[in-house]
Amino acid sequence: MQNQLDINSQLNIKSRVKRSPSPLASRVGDDLVLFSVNRGMYYGVPVVGRRIWDLIEDQITVSAVCDQLMREFSVDRDACEQEVLDFIGQLEAEELVVRL
């Protein structure tokens, strides 16, 4: 059984996130390339990921990101939430996003 700290530390739709101040970003066509100064790695981000990156410029809940994406793209809520959580979780693991 997970303790309360583990449950609270998991990324979920109520989590507040924003971009980490350290990555460098550059648009290449419709895509985005992120460079993590901390890790010395480049990351290619497709169109929807680029939109998420735009939305997390300032702190925002994962739920609010999904709300906006659902207005802009044809996607159901469950799929959107899962994809956004997965994507932001990957960004967080690479220190490109911070949770507040």
C-alpha atoms as a PDB file:
ATOM      1  CA  MET A   1       0.000   0.000   0.000  1.00  0.00           C
ATOM      2  CA  GLN A   2       1.311   3.437  -0.926  1.00  0.00           C
ATOM      3  CA  ASN A   3       1.774   5.980   1.793  1.00  0.00           C
ATOM      4  CA  GLN A   4       0.214   9.448   1.543  1.00  0.00           C
ATOM      5  CA  LEU A   5       3.493  11.054   0.418  1.00  0.00           C
ATOM      6  CA  ASP A   6       3.761   8.679  -2.575  1.00  0.00           C
ATOM      7  CA  ILE A   7       0.171   9.383  -3.598  1.00  0.00           C
ATOM      8  CA  ASN A   8       0.687  13.151  -3.346  1.00  0.00           C
ATOM      9  CA  SER A   9       3.928  12.985  -5.332  1.00  0.00           C
ATOM     10  CA  GLN A  10       2.348  11.309  -8.370  1.00  0.00           C
ATOM     11  CA  LEU A  11       1.575  13.490 -11.359  1.00  0.00           C
ATOM     12  CA  ASN A  12      -2.195  13.758 -11.857  1.00  0.00           C
ATOM     13  CA  ILE A  13      -4.719  16.021 -13.551  1.00  0.00           C
ATOM     14  CA  LYS A  14      -4.788  18.352 -10.526  1.00  0.00           C
ATOM     15  CA  SER A  15      -0.999  18.800 -10.554  1.00  0.00           C
ATOM     16  CA  ARG A  16       0.262  22.315 -11.312  1.00  0.00           C
ATOM     17  CA  VAL A  17       3.198  22.397 -13.706  1.00  0.00           C
ATOM     18  CA  LYS A  18       5.284  24.862 -15.680  1.00  0.00           C
ATOM     19  CA  ARG A  19       8.354  24.868 -17.870  1.00  0.00           C
ATOM     20  CA  SER A  20      11.695  24.522 -16.207  1.00  0.00           C
ATOM     21  CA  PRO A  21      13.746  27.698 -16.710  1.00  0.00           C
ATOM     22  CA  SER A  22      16.777  25.848 -18.092  1.00  0.00           C
ATOM     23  CA  PRO A  23      15.796  24.235 -21.436  1.00  0.00           C
ATOM     24  CA  LEU A  24      16.364  26.003 -24.709  1.00  0.00           C
ATOM     25  CA  ALA A  25      13.610  25.696 -27.304  1.00  0.00           C
ATOM     26  CA  SER A  26      13.555  26.227 -31.054  1.00  0.00           C
ATOM     27  CA  ARG A  27      10.781  25.717 -33.584  1.00  0.00           C
ATOM     28  CA  VAL A  28      11.635  23.640 -36.646  1.00  0.00           C
ATOM     29  CA  GLY A  29       8.708  23.723 -39.054  1.00  0.00           C
ATOM     30  CA  ASP A  30       5.670  22.549 -37.082  1.00  0.00           C
ATOM     31  CA  ASP A  31       7.828  20.758 -34.517  1.00  0.00           C
ATOM     32  CA  LEU A  32       9.773  21.918 -31.493  1.00  0.00           C
ATOM     33  CA  VAL A  33      13.306  20.980 -30.489  1.00  0.00           C
ATOM     34  CA  LEU A  34      14.175  21.256 -26.806  1.00  0.00           C
ATOM     35  CA  PHE A  35      17.724  21.223 -25.474  1.00  0.00           C
ATOM     36  CA  SER A  36      18.294  20.324 -21.847  1.00  0.00           C
ATOM     37  CA  VAL A  37      21.357  22.173 -20.613  1.00  0.00           C
ATOM     38  CA  ASN A  38      21.380  19.992 -17.470  1.00  0.00           C
ATOM     39  CA  ARG A  39      21.406  16.710 -19.412  1.00  0.00           C
ATOM     40  CA  GLY A  40      23.100  17.811 -22.627  1.00  0.00           C
ATOM     41  CA  MET A  41      20.271  16.209 -24.636  1.00  0.00           C
ATOM     42  CA  TYR A  42      18.048  17.283 -27.520  1.00  0.00           C
ATOM     43  CA  TYR A  43      14.371  16.291 -27.678  1.00  0.00           C
ATOM     44  CA  GLY A  44      12.118  16.480 -30.726  1.00  0.00           C
ATOM     45  CA  VAL A  45       8.535  17.431 -29.912  1.00  0.00           C
ATOM     46  CA  PRO A  46       5.668  17.056 -32.435  1.00  0.00           C
ATOM     47  CA  VAL A  47       2.786  19.518 -32.947  1.00  0.00           C
ATOM     48  CA  VAL A  48       0.586  18.574 -29.967  1.00  0.00           C
ATOM     49  CA  GLY A  49       3.620  18.436 -27.689  1.00  0.00           C
ATOM     50  CA  ARG A  50       4.616  21.874 -28.938  1.00  0.00           C
ATOM     51  CA  ARG A  51       1.151  23.159 -27.994  1.00  0.00           C
ATOM     52  CA  ILE A  52       1.485  21.645 -24.518  1.00  0.00           C
ATOM     53  CA  TRP A  53       4.885  23.351 -24.223  1.00  0.00           C
ATOM     54  CA  ASP A  54       3.247  26.663 -25.118  1.00  0.00           C
ATOM     55  CA  LEU A  55       0.500  26.129 -22.532  1.00  0.00           C
ATOM     56  CA  ILE A  56       2.914  25.362 -19.691  1.00  0.00           C
ATOM     57  CA  GLU A  57       4.912  28.571 -20.137  1.00  0.00           C
ATOM     58  CA  ASP A  58       3.234  29.771 -16.945  1.00  0.00           C
ATOM     59  CA  GLN A  59       1.983  27.519 -14.185  1.00  0.00           C
ATOM     60  CA  ILE A  60      -1.167  25.625 -15.106  1.00  0.00           C
ATOM     61  CA  THR A  61      -2.960  22.476 -14.013  1.00  0.00           C
ATOM     62  CA  VAL A  62      -2.785  19.381 -16.178  1.00  0.00           C
ATOM     63  CA  SER A  63      -6.582  19.506 -16.286  1.00  0.00           C
ATOM     64  CA  ALA A  64      -6.519  23.040 -17.741  1.00  0.00           C
ATOM     65  CA  VAL A  65      -4.019  21.894 -20.387  1.00  0.00           C
ATOM     66  CA  CYS A  66      -6.456  19.117 -21.352  1.00  0.00           C
ATOM     67  CA  ASP A  67      -9.381  21.560 -21.421  1.00  0.00           C
ATOM     68  CA  GLN A  68      -7.534  23.745 -23.916  1.00  0.00           C
ATOM     69  CA  LEU A  69      -6.340  20.830 -26.064  1.00  0.00           C
ATOM     70  CA  MET A  70      -9.878  19.453 -26.277  1.00  0.00           C
ATOM     71  CA  ARG A  71     -11.020  22.827 -27.656  1.00  0.00           C
ATOM     72  CA  GLU A  72      -8.285  22.750 -30.305  1.00  0.00           C
ATOM     73  CA  PHE A  73      -8.023  19.076 -31.265  1.00  0.00           C
ATOM     74  CA  SER A  74     -10.479  16.235 -31.811  1.00  0.00           C
ATOM     75  CA  VAL A  75      -9.762  14.014 -28.800  1.00  0.00           C
ATOM     76  CA  ASP A  76     -11.810  12.493 -25.994  1.00  0.00           C
ATOM     77  CA  ARG A  77     -11.156  13.458 -22.377  1.00  0.00           C
ATOM     78  CA  ASP A  78      -9.741  10.141 -21.160  1.00  0.00           C
ATOM     79  CA  ALA A  79      -7.290   9.824 -24.046  1.00  0.00           C
ATOM     80  CA  CYS A  80      -6.262  13.463 -23.700  1.00  0.00           C
ATOM     81  CA  GLU A  81      -5.612  13.176 -19.978  1.00  0.00           C
ATOM     82  CA  GLN A  82      -3.552  10.008 -20.359  1.00  0.00           C
ATOM     83  CA  GLU A  83      -1.459  11.404 -23.219  1.00  0.00           C
ATOM     84  CA  VAL A  84      -0.868  14.726 -21.466  1.00  0.00           C
ATOM     85  CA  LEU A  85       0.077  13.006 -18.195  1.00  0.00           C
ATOM     86  CA  ASP A  86       2.486  10.717 -20.069  1.00  0.00           C
ATOM     87  CA  PHE A  87       4.058  13.597 -22.003  1.00  0.00           C
ATOM     88  CA  ILE A  88       4.413  15.923 -19.008  1.00  0.00           C
ATOM     89  CA  GLY A  89       5.727  13.013 -16.949  1.00  0.00           C
ATOM     90  CA  GLN A  90       8.458  12.450 -19.552  1.00  0.00           C
ATOM     91  CA  LEU A  91       9.310  16.150 -19.558  1.00  0.00           C
ATOM     92  CA  GLU A  92       9.455  16.143 -15.781  1.00  0.00           C
ATOM     93  CA  ALA A  93      11.735  13.082 -15.753  1.00  0.00           C
ATOM     94  CA  GLU A  94      14.094  14.947 -18.096  1.00  0.00           C
ATOM     95  CA  GLU A  95      13.970  18.058 -15.870  1.00  0.00           C
ATOM     96  CA  LEU A  96      12.253  20.122 -18.570  1.00  0.00           C
ATOM     97  CA  VAL A  97       9.128  20.717 -16.438  1.00  0.00           C
ATOM     98  CA  VAL A  98       8.694  21.464 -12.763  1.00  0.00           C
ATOM     99  CA  ARG A  99       5.726  20.584 -10.630  1.00  0.00           C
ATOM    100  CA  LEU A 100       4.493  23.277  -8.230  1.00  0.00           C
END
